[in-house]
Amino acid sequence: MPLAMNKEVFITCAVTGSGATQDRSPHVPRSPKEIAHSAIAAARAGAAVAHCHVRDPNTGAPSRDPALYRELTERVRDADVDVVLNLTAGMGGDLTFGPPSSPLPLTAGTDMIGADERVAHLADCLPEICTLDCGTMNFAEADYVMTNTPGMLRAMGAMMTEMGVKPEIEAFDTGHLWLAKSLVEEGVLDSPALVQLCMGIPWGAPDDLNTLMAMVNAVPRDWTWSAFSIGRNQMPYVAAAVLAGGNVRVGLEDNLWLGKGELATNEALVTRARGIIEGLGATLIGPAEVRARLGLVKRAPR
């Protein structure tokens, strides 16, 4: 098939994530102040969207404390640089089983909460975008399962739509896109939808180009999509996503390194991605253009 290169591209910076990276790099931000500072630095470098988790400021462990989200949101909104705010709604769907010989009871790391609680910080903070992990999957670790049942996704998606926060569908495999299209057909999610193709995360879609194009070809033509891969393939996927017609995501959530032996910052990763995008002959668009394209409204927290 011929290339359908995207000529007007936006960058999402995934600022900190919830993985166990806090002790692997001093640049992974922990406190709301540090996360906001890093998001704003990424925006100055060219990121139109900041995708944010929060962490315990003391330990760096992932958190879903609404007060931390509120502080982060207010700091980003008060900054002198504009950026579209994208908050995760992925926390609270974690199952960690015991060993294969004795899987029950569930063990440390399990964190299962209801739909209302999973989106409570969104209702309070009113970001333009939030994530909706559109499926359940084995997720790297031996006995951990990322759990998002169809019923849970219908409930969360309906609440996101009702509060006017646009879900960014996180698709880790082709079946997740199948379910996402069903949610749109049912009226749970509005159309056209927004999709992030998450490549190379064990044990979802591998990040080879054949699989990427299978994912791309499963996205409805009127939807907006981005794609990323993790680790050393983060920057190659900047080029791949643009050439396949999409937008891009970079950031410390997915990759800690700028080069061999050189730890990255979010700002540096965005700068490197911007160089690739513009080197391909595409134009970088900013937060105002993204809001216009996706029908987003910037609102103050309640």
C-alpha atoms as a PDB file:
ATOM      1  CA  MET A   1       0.000   0.000   0.000  1.00  0.00           C
ATOM      2  CA  PRO A   2       1.254   3.549  -0.658  1.00  0.00           C
ATOM      3  CA  LEU A   3       2.473   5.726   2.186  1.00  0.00           C
ATOM      4  CA  ALA A   4      -0.156   8.012   3.689  1.00  0.00           C
ATOM      5  CA  MET A   5       2.236  10.289   5.579  1.00  0.00           C
ATOM      6  CA  ASN A   6       0.774  12.666   8.127  1.00  0.00           C
ATOM      7  CA  LYS A   7       1.805  16.216   7.242  1.00  0.00           C
ATOM      8  CA  GLU A   8       0.508  17.867  10.428  1.00  0.00           C
ATOM      9  CA  VAL A   9       1.690  15.978  13.508  1.00  0.00           C
ATOM     10  CA  PHE A  10       1.251  16.443  17.236  1.00  0.00           C
ATOM     11  CA  ILE A  11       3.506  15.017  19.925  1.00  0.00           C
ATOM     12  CA  THR A  12       2.236  13.505  23.164  1.00  0.00           C
ATOM     13  CA  CYS A  13       4.787  13.388  25.970  1.00  0.00           C
ATOM     14  CA  ALA A  14       4.188  10.531  28.441  1.00  0.00           C
ATOM     15  CA  VAL A  15       5.815  12.250  31.381  1.00  0.00           C
ATOM     16  CA  THR A  16       6.307   9.693  34.158  1.00  0.00           C
ATOM     17  CA  GLY A  17       4.103   6.590  33.922  1.00  0.00           C
ATOM     18  CA  SER A  18       3.572   4.084  36.706  1.00  0.00           C
ATOM     19  CA  GLY A  19       6.372   1.620  36.005  1.00  0.00           C
ATOM     20  CA  ALA A  20       9.233   0.874  38.367  1.00  0.00           C
ATOM     21  CA  THR A  21      11.527   3.440  36.751  1.00  0.00           C
ATOM     22  CA  GLN A  22      11.800   5.918  39.625  1.00  0.00           C
ATOM     23  CA  ASP A  23      15.168   4.573  40.810  1.00  0.00           C
ATOM     24  CA  ARG A  24      16.607   3.946  37.344  1.00  0.00           C
ATOM     25  CA  SER A  25      16.921   7.591  36.354  1.00  0.00           C
ATOM     26  CA  PRO A  26      17.105  10.832  38.342  1.00  0.00           C
ATOM     27  CA  HIS A  27      15.066  12.489  35.589  1.00  0.00           C
ATOM     28  CA  VAL A  28      11.857  10.524  36.280  1.00  0.00           C
ATOM     29  CA  PRO A  29       9.662  13.081  38.086  1.00  0.00           C
ATOM     30  CA  ARG A  30       7.923  12.073  41.324  1.00  0.00           C
ATOM     31  CA  SER A  31       6.082  14.945  42.999  1.00  0.00           C
ATOM     32  CA  PRO A  32       3.249  16.881  41.318  1.00  0.00           C
ATOM     33  CA  LYS A  33       5.586  19.872  41.142  1.00  0.00           C
ATOM     34  CA  GLU A  34       8.291  17.844  39.380  1.00  0.00           C
ATOM     35  CA  ILE A  35       5.793  16.186  37.012  1.00  0.00           C
ATOM     36  CA  ALA A  36       4.243  19.545  36.110  1.00  0.00           C
ATOM     37  CA  HIS A  37       7.685  21.108  35.593  1.00  0.00           C
ATOM     38  CA  SER A  38       8.699  18.253  33.288  1.00  0.00           C
ATOM     39  CA  ALA A  39       5.420  18.443  31.361  1.00  0.00           C
ATOM     40  CA  ILE A  40       5.833  22.182  30.818  1.00  0.00           C
ATOM     41  CA  ALA A  41       9.448  21.738  29.705  1.00  0.00           C
ATOM     42  CA  ALA A  42       8.224  19.146  27.203  1.00  0.00           C
ATOM     43  CA  ALA A  43       5.554  21.587  25.990  1.00  0.00           C
ATOM     44  CA  ARG A  44       8.182  24.274  25.455  1.00  0.00           C
ATOM     45  CA  ALA A  45      10.127  21.756  23.362  1.00  0.00           C
ATOM     46  CA  GLY A  46       7.092  21.091  21.165  1.00  0.00           C
ATOM     47  CA  ALA A  47       4.769  18.603  22.881  1.00  0.00           C
ATOM     48  CA  ALA A  48       1.120  19.531  22.386  1.00  0.00           C
ATOM     49  CA  VAL A  49      -0.199  16.929  24.847  1.00  0.00           C
ATOM     50  CA  ALA A  50       1.138  15.911  28.271  1.00  0.00           C
ATOM     51  CA  HIS A  51       0.045  12.441  29.397  1.00  0.00           C
ATOM     52  CA  CYS A  52       0.444  12.234  33.168  1.00  0.00           C
ATOM     53  CA  HIS A  53       0.293   9.728  35.996  1.00  0.00           C
ATOM     54  CA  VAL A  54       1.083  10.702  39.586  1.00  0.00           C
ATOM     55  CA  ARG A  55       3.505   9.118  42.048  1.00  0.00           C
ATOM     56  CA  ASP A  56       4.074   9.138  45.771  1.00  0.00           C
ATOM     57  CA  PRO A  57       6.362  12.157  46.180  1.00  0.00           C
ATOM     58  CA  ASN A  58       8.549  10.352  48.732  1.00  0.00           C
ATOM     59  CA  THR A  59       8.909   6.860  47.279  1.00  0.00           C
ATOM     60  CA  GLY A  60       8.133   7.387  43.601  1.00  0.00           C
ATOM     61  CA  ALA A  61       5.658   4.487  43.703  1.00  0.00           C
ATOM     62  CA  PRO A  62       2.592   4.852  41.474  1.00  0.00           C
ATOM     63  CA  SER A  63      -0.365   6.523  43.129  1.00  0.00           C
ATOM     64  CA  ARG A  64      -3.979   7.368  42.384  1.00  0.00           C
ATOM     65  CA  ASP A  65      -4.359   9.954  45.155  1.00  0.00           C
ATOM     66  CA  PRO A  66      -6.855  12.569  43.865  1.00  0.00           C
ATOM     67  CA  ALA A  67      -5.058  15.321  45.783  1.00  0.00           C
ATOM     68  CA  LEU A  68      -1.879  14.670  43.809  1.00  0.00           C
ATOM     69  CA  TYR A  69      -3.793  14.845  40.524  1.00  0.00           C
ATOM     70  CA  ARG A  70      -5.420  18.076  41.638  1.00  0.00           C
ATOM     71  CA  GLU A  71      -2.082  19.700  42.500  1.00  0.00           C
ATOM     72  CA  LEU A  72      -0.578  18.536  39.205  1.00  0.00           C
ATOM     73  CA  THR A  73      -3.529  19.871  37.218  1.00  0.00           C
ATOM     74  CA  GLU A  74      -3.461  23.269  38.898  1.00  0.00           C
ATOM     75  CA  ARG A  75       0.289  23.630  38.336  1.00  0.00           C
ATOM     76  CA  VAL A  76      -0.046  22.765  34.633  1.00  0.00           C
ATOM     77  CA  ARG A  77      -3.048  25.047  34.176  1.00  0.00           C
ATOM     78  CA  ASP A  78      -1.268  27.950  35.924  1.00  0.00           C
ATOM     79  CA  ALA A  79       1.857  27.663  33.760  1.00  0.00           C
ATOM     80  CA  ASP A  80       2.737  30.289  31.186  1.00  0.00           C
ATOM     81  CA  VAL A  81       2.989  27.616  28.469  1.00  0.00           C
ATOM     82  CA  ASP A  82      -0.117  25.953  27.054  1.00  0.00           C
ATOM     83  CA  VAL A  83      -0.440  22.155  26.785  1.00  0.00           C
ATOM     84  CA  VAL A  84      -3.353  19.736  26.427  1.00  0.00           C
ATOM     85  CA  LEU A  85      -3.655  17.747  29.650  1.00  0.00           C
ATOM     86  CA  ASN A  86      -4.175  13.980  29.397  1.00  0.00           C
ATOM     87  CA  LEU A  87      -4.593  12.162  32.723  1.00  0.00           C
ATOM     88  CA  THR A  88      -4.441   8.400  33.076  1.00  0.00           C
ATOM     89  CA  ALA A  89      -7.459   6.396  34.175  1.00  0.00           C
ATOM     90  CA  GLY A  90      -5.517   3.152  34.066  1.00  0.00           C
ATOM     91  CA  MET A  91      -4.951   2.750  37.799  1.00  0.00           C
ATOM     92  CA  GLY A  92      -7.172   0.484  39.861  1.00  0.00           C
ATOM     93  CA  GLY A  93      -7.445  -2.498  37.524  1.00  0.00           C
ATOM     94  CA  ASP A  94      -4.515  -4.567  38.775  1.00  0.00           C
ATOM     95  CA  LEU A  95      -4.634  -8.268  39.646  1.00  0.00           C
ATOM     96  CA  THR A  96      -1.547 -10.036  40.981  1.00  0.00           C
ATOM     97  CA  PHE A  97      -1.949 -13.768  41.440  1.00  0.00           C
ATOM     98  CA  GLY A  98      -0.014 -16.121  43.648  1.00  0.00           C
ATOM     99  CA  PRO A  99       2.331 -18.717  42.100  1.00  0.00           C
ATOM    100  CA  PRO A 100       0.954 -21.216  39.540  1.00  0.00           C
ATOM    101  CA  SER A 101       0.601 -23.897  42.215  1.00  0.00           C
ATOM    102  CA  SER A 102      -1.514 -21.615  44.410  1.00  0.00           C
ATOM    103  CA  PRO A 103      -2.885 -18.608  42.489  1.00  0.00           C
ATOM    104  CA  LEU A 104      -5.365 -17.613  45.198  1.00  0.00           C
ATOM    105  CA  PRO A 105      -5.514 -15.602  47.338  1.00  0.00           C
ATOM    106  CA  LEU A 106      -4.416 -12.597  45.288  1.00  0.00           C
ATOM    107  CA  THR A 107      -1.131 -11.073  46.457  1.00  0.00           C
ATOM    108  CA  ALA A 108       0.518  -7.695  46.993  1.00  0.00           C
ATOM    109  CA  GLY A 109       0.155  -5.453  43.979  1.00  0.00           C
ATOM    110  CA  THR A 110      -3.549  -6.192  43.534  1.00  0.00           C
ATOM    111  CA  ASP A 111      -5.532  -2.961  43.329  1.00  0.00           C
ATOM    112  CA  MET A 112      -9.103  -3.360  42.091  1.00  0.00           C
ATOM    113  CA  ILE A 113     -11.591  -0.541  42.506  1.00  0.00           C
ATOM    114  CA  GLY A 114     -14.928   0.416  40.980  1.00  0.00           C
ATOM    115  CA  ALA A 115     -15.546   2.538  37.905  1.00  0.00           C
ATOM    116  CA  ASP A 116     -16.668   5.583  39.907  1.00  0.00           C
ATOM    117  CA  GLU A 117     -13.444   5.623  41.883  1.00  0.00           C
ATOM    118  CA  ARG A 118     -11.285   5.041  38.803  1.00  0.00           C
ATOM    119  CA  VAL A 119     -12.604   8.245  37.211  1.00  0.00           C
ATOM    120  CA  ALA A 120     -13.096  10.379  40.344  1.00  0.00           C
ATOM    121  CA  HIS A 121      -9.937  12.423  39.707  1.00  0.00           C
ATOM    122  CA  LEU A 122     -11.138  13.144  36.155  1.00  0.00           C
ATOM    123  CA  ALA A 123     -14.426  14.592  37.416  1.00  0.00           C
ATOM    124  CA  ASP A 124     -12.454  16.793  39.808  1.00  0.00           C
ATOM    125  CA  CYS A 125      -9.655  17.898  37.470  1.00  0.00           C
ATOM    126  CA  LEU A 126     -11.502  17.998  34.097  1.00  0.00           C
ATOM    127  CA  PRO A 127      -8.531  17.365  31.790  1.00  0.00           C
ATOM    128  CA  GLU A 128      -9.186  17.594  28.067  1.00  0.00           C
ATOM    129  CA  ILE A 129      -8.208  13.929  27.562  1.00  0.00           C
ATOM    130  CA  CYS A 130      -7.997  10.794  29.684  1.00  0.00           C
ATOM    131  CA  THR A 131      -6.836   7.290  28.850  1.00  0.00           C
ATOM    132  CA  LEU A 132      -9.087   4.254  28.516  1.00  0.00           C
ATOM    133  CA  ASP A 133      -7.090   0.994  28.381  1.00  0.00           C
ATOM    134  CA  CYS A 134      -9.419  -0.869  26.074  1.00  0.00           C
ATOM    135  CA  GLY A 135      -8.786  -4.467  27.130  1.00  0.00           C
ATOM    136  CA  THR A 136      -7.356  -6.975  29.570  1.00  0.00           C
ATOM    137  CA  MET A 137      -3.886  -8.439  29.037  1.00  0.00           C
ATOM    138  CA  ASN A 138      -0.957 -10.223  30.609  1.00  0.00           C
ATOM    139  CA  PHE A 139       1.421  -7.351  31.282  1.00  0.00           C
ATOM    140  CA  ALA A 140       5.105  -8.280  31.433  1.00  0.00           C
ATOM    141  CA  GLU A 141       5.322  -9.636  34.985  1.00  0.00           C
ATOM    142  CA  ALA A 142       4.750 -13.351  35.561  1.00  0.00           C
ATOM    143  CA  ASP A 143       1.551 -13.221  37.600  1.00  0.00           C
ATOM    144  CA  TYR A 144       0.166  -9.720  36.936  1.00  0.00           C
ATOM    145  CA  VAL A 145      -2.891  -9.060  34.788  1.00  0.00           C
ATOM    146  CA  MET A 146      -4.044  -5.601  33.653  1.00  0.00           C
ATOM    147  CA  THR A 147      -7.801  -5.983  34.012  1.00  0.00           C
ATOM    148  CA  ASN A 148     -10.368  -3.981  32.051  1.00  0.00           C
ATOM    149  CA  THR A 149     -13.551  -5.961  31.460  1.00  0.00           C
ATOM    150  CA  PRO A 150     -16.065  -4.905  28.801  1.00  0.00           C
ATOM    151  CA  GLY A 151     -18.512  -3.995  31.572  1.00  0.00           C
ATOM    152  CA  MET A 152     -15.942  -1.845  33.351  1.00  0.00           C
ATOM    153  CA  LEU A 153     -14.988  -0.111  30.102  1.00  0.00           C
ATOM    154  CA  ARG A 154     -18.613   0.603  29.232  1.00  0.00           C
ATOM    155  CA  ALA A 155     -19.157   2.141  32.671  1.00  0.00           C
ATOM    156  CA  MET A 156     -15.955   4.193  32.640  1.00  0.00           C
ATOM    157  CA  GLY A 157     -16.399   5.256  29.019  1.00  0.00           C
ATOM    158  CA  ALA A 158     -19.946   6.454  29.628  1.00  0.00           C
ATOM    159  CA  MET A 159     -18.819   8.538  32.621  1.00  0.00           C
ATOM    160  CA  MET A 160     -15.936  10.057  30.652  1.00  0.00           C
ATOM    161  CA  THR A 161     -18.291  10.984  27.816  1.00  0.00           C
ATOM    162  CA  GLU A 162     -20.811  12.457  30.260  1.00  0.00           C
ATOM    163  CA  MET A 163     -18.199  14.654  31.949  1.00  0.00           C
ATOM    164  CA  GLY A 164     -16.873  15.927  28.605  1.00  0.00           C
ATOM    165  CA  VAL A 165     -13.397  14.408  28.894  1.00  0.00           C
ATOM    166  CA  LYS A 166     -12.314  12.750  25.644  1.00  0.00           C
ATOM    167  CA  PRO A 167     -11.068   9.183  26.101  1.00  0.00           C
ATOM    168  CA  GLU A 168      -7.802   8.299  24.432  1.00  0.00           C
ATOM    169  CA  ILE A 169      -8.306   4.613  23.662  1.00  0.00           C
ATOM    170  CA  GLU A 170      -5.138   2.716  24.595  1.00  0.00           C
ATOM    171  CA  ALA A 171      -4.979  -0.263  22.222  1.00  0.00           C
ATOM    172  CA  PHE A 172      -2.349  -2.849  23.117  1.00  0.00           C
ATOM    173  CA  ASP A 173      -3.567  -5.391  20.549  1.00  0.00           C
ATOM    174  CA  THR A 174      -5.994  -5.757  17.658  1.00  0.00           C
ATOM    175  CA  GLY A 175      -8.841  -7.037  19.837  1.00  0.00           C
ATOM    176  CA  HIS A 176      -8.715  -3.830  21.835  1.00  0.00           C
ATOM    177  CA  LEU A 177      -9.547  -1.888  18.669  1.00  0.00           C
ATOM    178  CA  TRP A 178     -12.398  -4.303  17.976  1.00  0.00           C
ATOM    179  CA  LEU A 179     -13.863  -3.557  21.404  1.00  0.00           C
ATOM    180  CA  ALA A 180     -13.282   0.194  20.972  1.00  0.00           C
ATOM    181  CA  LYS A 181     -15.234   0.209  17.732  1.00  0.00           C
ATOM    182  CA  SER A 182     -18.050  -1.622  19.487  1.00  0.00           C
ATOM    183  CA  LEU A 183     -18.110   1.025  22.244  1.00  0.00           C
ATOM    184  CA  VAL A 184     -18.450   3.735  19.590  1.00  0.00           C
ATOM    185  CA  GLU A 185     -21.185   1.818  17.765  1.00  0.00           C
ATOM    186  CA  GLU A 186     -23.080   1.443  21.065  1.00  0.00           C
ATOM    187  CA  GLY A 187     -22.832   5.193  21.712  1.00  0.00           C
ATOM    188  CA  VAL A 188     -20.711   4.755  24.846  1.00  0.00           C
ATOM    189  CA  LEU A 189     -17.880   6.722  23.189  1.00  0.00           C
ATOM    190  CA  ASP A 190     -18.299   9.553  20.729  1.00  0.00           C
ATOM    191  CA  SER A 191     -17.129   9.337  17.140  1.00  0.00           C
ATOM    192  CA  PRO A 192     -14.641  10.161  15.753  1.00  0.00           C
ATOM    193  CA  ALA A 193     -12.551   8.612  18.503  1.00  0.00           C
ATOM    194  CA  LEU A 194      -8.940   9.102  19.583  1.00  0.00           C
ATOM    195  CA  VAL A 195      -6.596   6.106  19.705  1.00  0.00           C
ATOM    196  CA  GLN A 196      -3.093   5.415  20.990  1.00  0.00           C
ATOM    197  CA  LEU A 197      -1.486   2.312  19.471  1.00  0.00           C
ATOM    198  CA  CYS A 198       0.755   0.858  22.190  1.00  0.00           C
ATOM    199  CA  MET A 199       3.392  -1.335  20.561  1.00  0.00           C
ATOM    200  CA  GLY A 200       6.047  -3.606  21.986  1.00  0.00           C
ATOM    201  CA  ILE A 201       4.682  -3.968  25.528  1.00  0.00           C
ATOM    202  CA  PRO A 202       4.849  -7.591  26.684  1.00  0.00           C
ATOM    203  CA  TRP A 203       2.467  -9.319  26.062  1.00  0.00           C
ATOM    204  CA  GLY A 204       0.489  -7.172  23.690  1.00  0.00           C
ATOM    205  CA  ALA A 205       1.139  -6.318  20.058  1.00  0.00           C
ATOM    206  CA  PRO A 206       4.801  -6.743  19.073  1.00  0.00           C
ATOM    207  CA  ASP A 207       6.405  -3.665  17.543  1.00  0.00           C
ATOM    208  CA  ASP A 208       7.254  -5.061  14.112  1.00  0.00           C
ATOM    209  CA  LEU A 209       5.994  -3.022  11.184  1.00  0.00           C
ATOM    210  CA  ASN A 210       3.623  -5.704   9.906  1.00  0.00           C
ATOM    211  CA  THR A 211       1.774  -5.670  13.227  1.00  0.00           C
ATOM    212  CA  LEU A 212       1.795  -1.866  13.328  1.00  0.00           C
ATOM    213  CA  MET A 213       0.173  -1.698   9.906  1.00  0.00           C
ATOM    214  CA  ALA A 214      -2.399  -4.311  10.910  1.00  0.00           C
ATOM    215  CA  MET A 215      -3.287  -2.051  13.836  1.00  0.00           C
ATOM    216  CA  VAL A 216      -3.310   1.088  11.673  1.00  0.00           C
ATOM    217  CA  ASN A 217      -5.553  -0.569   9.088  1.00  0.00           C
ATOM    218  CA  ALA A 218      -8.027  -1.490  11.839  1.00  0.00           C
ATOM    219  CA  VAL A 219      -8.463   2.152  12.914  1.00  0.00           C
ATOM    220  CA  PRO A 220     -11.473   3.813  11.223  1.00  0.00           C
ATOM    221  CA  ARG A 221     -10.340   6.427   8.721  1.00  0.00           C
ATOM    222  CA  ASP A 222     -12.043   9.341  10.464  1.00  0.00           C
ATOM    223  CA  TRP A 223     -10.456   8.599  13.866  1.00  0.00           C
ATOM    224  CA  THR A 224      -7.275  10.323  15.088  1.00  0.00           C
ATOM    225  CA  TRP A 225      -4.451   8.053  16.154  1.00  0.00           C
ATOM    226  CA  SER A 226      -0.932   8.047  17.527  1.00  0.00           C
ATOM    227  CA  ALA A 227       1.551   5.227  17.992  1.00  0.00           C
ATOM    228  CA  PHE A 228       4.611   4.526  20.080  1.00  0.00           C
ATOM    229  CA  SER A 229       7.001   1.794  21.059  1.00  0.00           C
ATOM    230  CA  ILE A 230       9.179   1.431  24.123  1.00  0.00           C
ATOM    231  CA  GLY A 231      12.890   1.474  24.872  1.00  0.00           C
ATOM    232  CA  ARG A 232      15.314   1.633  21.977  1.00  0.00           C
ATOM    233  CA  ASN A 233      12.491   1.586  19.417  1.00  0.00           C
ATOM    234  CA  GLN A 234      10.869   4.775  20.681  1.00  0.00           C
ATOM    235  CA  MET A 235      12.509   7.055  18.117  1.00  0.00           C
ATOM    236  CA  PRO A 236      12.198   4.700  15.128  1.00  0.00           C
ATOM    237  CA  TYR A 237       8.482   4.610  15.895  1.00  0.00           C
ATOM    238  CA  VAL A 238       8.302   8.392  15.656  1.00  0.00           C
ATOM    239  CA  ALA A 239       9.193   8.043  11.990  1.00  0.00           C
ATOM    240  CA  ALA A 240       7.044   4.940  11.503  1.00  0.00           C
ATOM    241  CA  ALA A 241       3.947   6.583  12.979  1.00  0.00           C
ATOM    242  CA  VAL A 242       4.281   9.719  10.847  1.00  0.00           C
ATOM    243  CA  LEU A 243       4.900   7.737   7.664  1.00  0.00           C
ATOM    244  CA  ALA A 244       1.863   5.544   8.386  1.00  0.00           C
ATOM    245  CA  GLY A 245      -0.368   8.610   8.797  1.00  0.00           C
ATOM    246  CA  GLY A 246      -0.421   9.088  12.568  1.00  0.00           C
ATOM    247  CA  ASN A 247       0.859  11.193  15.426  1.00  0.00           C
ATOM    248  CA  VAL A 248       3.596  10.322  17.911  1.00  0.00           C
ATOM    249  CA  ARG A 249       4.252   9.726  21.588  1.00  0.00           C
ATOM    250  CA  VAL A 250       7.577   9.890  23.405  1.00  0.00           C
ATOM    251  CA  GLY A 251       8.540  10.317  27.046  1.00  0.00           C
ATOM    252  CA  LEU A 252      10.088   8.788  30.128  1.00  0.00           C
ATOM    253  CA  GLU A 253       7.092   6.535  30.731  1.00  0.00           C
ATOM    254  CA  ASP A 254       8.226   4.469  27.761  1.00  0.00           C
ATOM    255  CA  ASN A 255      11.978   5.041  27.460  1.00  0.00           C
ATOM    256  CA  LEU A 256      14.695   6.375  29.771  1.00  0.00           C
ATOM    257  CA  TRP A 257      17.487   6.758  27.237  1.00  0.00           C
ATOM    258  CA  LEU A 258      18.421   9.359  24.638  1.00  0.00           C
ATOM    259  CA  GLY A 259      21.348   7.291  23.405  1.00  0.00           C
ATOM    260  CA  LYS A 260      23.752   4.626  24.594  1.00  0.00           C
ATOM    261  CA  GLY A 261      24.813   5.565  28.124  1.00  0.00           C
ATOM    262  CA  GLU A 262      22.907   8.878  27.981  1.00  0.00           C
ATOM    263  CA  LEU A 263      19.859   9.238  30.203  1.00  0.00           C
ATOM    264  CA  ALA A 264      17.075  11.306  28.701  1.00  0.00           C
ATOM    265  CA  THR A 265      14.776  14.015  29.958  1.00  0.00           C
ATOM    266  CA  ASN A 266      11.268  14.477  28.626  1.00  0.00           C
ATOM    267  CA  GLU A 267      12.335  17.739  27.044  1.00  0.00           C
ATOM    268  CA  ALA A 268      15.224  16.059  25.223  1.00  0.00           C
ATOM    269  CA  LEU A 269      13.025  13.224  23.952  1.00  0.00           C
ATOM    270  CA  VAL A 270      10.483  15.694  22.571  1.00  0.00           C
ATOM    271  CA  THR A 271      13.272  17.723  20.945  1.00  0.00           C
ATOM    272  CA  ARG A 272      14.657  14.564  19.284  1.00  0.00           C
ATOM    273  CA  ALA A 273      11.189  13.572  18.066  1.00  0.00           C
ATOM    274  CA  ARG A 274      10.563  17.061  16.721  1.00  0.00           C
ATOM    275  CA  GLY A 275      13.755  16.841  14.674  1.00  0.00           C
ATOM    276  CA  ILE A 276      12.643  13.541  13.151  1.00  0.00           C
ATOM    277  CA  ILE A 277       9.163  14.848  12.342  1.00  0.00           C
ATOM    278  CA  GLU A 278      10.405  18.038  10.737  1.00  0.00           C
ATOM    279  CA  GLY A 279      13.187  16.148   8.977  1.00  0.00           C
ATOM    280  CA  LEU A 280      10.505  14.074   7.253  1.00  0.00           C
ATOM    281  CA  GLY A 281       8.920  17.288   5.973  1.00  0.00           C
ATOM    282  CA  ALA A 282       5.934  17.324   8.347  1.00  0.00           C
ATOM    283  CA  THR A 283       4.774  20.283  10.411  1.00  0.00           C
ATOM    284  CA  LEU A 284       4.408  20.161  14.183  1.00  0.00           C
ATOM    285  CA  ILE A 285       1.062  21.431  15.473  1.00  0.00           C
ATOM    286  CA  GLY A 286       0.418  22.844  18.935  1.00  0.00           C
ATOM    287  CA  PRO A 287      -2.243  22.536  21.639  1.00  0.00           C
ATOM    288  CA  ALA A 288      -4.672  25.018  20.077  1.00  0.00           C
ATOM    289  CA  GLU A 289      -4.686  23.073  16.811  1.00  0.00           C
ATOM    290  CA  VAL A 290      -5.085  19.786  18.681  1.00  0.00           C
ATOM    291  CA  ARG A 291      -8.090  21.133  20.584  1.00  0.00           C
ATOM    292  CA  ALA A 292      -9.670  22.332  17.348  1.00  0.00           C
ATOM    293  CA  ARG A 293      -9.018  19.010  15.617  1.00  0.00           C
ATOM    294  CA  LEU A 294     -10.364  16.862  18.470  1.00  0.00           C
ATOM    295  CA  GLY A 295     -13.137  19.149  19.689  1.00  0.00           C
ATOM    296  CA  LEU A 296     -11.557  19.691  23.104  1.00  0.00           C
ATOM    297  CA  VAL A 297     -12.327  22.445  25.610  1.00  0.00           C
ATOM    298  CA  LYS A 298      -9.773  23.598  28.174  1.00  0.00           C
ATOM    299  CA  ARG A 299     -11.466  23.932  31.566  1.00  0.00           C
ATOM    300  CA  ALA A 300     -10.382  24.855  35.056  1.00  0.00           C
ATOM    301  CA  PRO A 301     -10.654  22.171  37.757  1.00  0.00           C
ATOM    302  CA  ARG A 302     -13.911  22.189  39.731  1.00  0.00           C
END
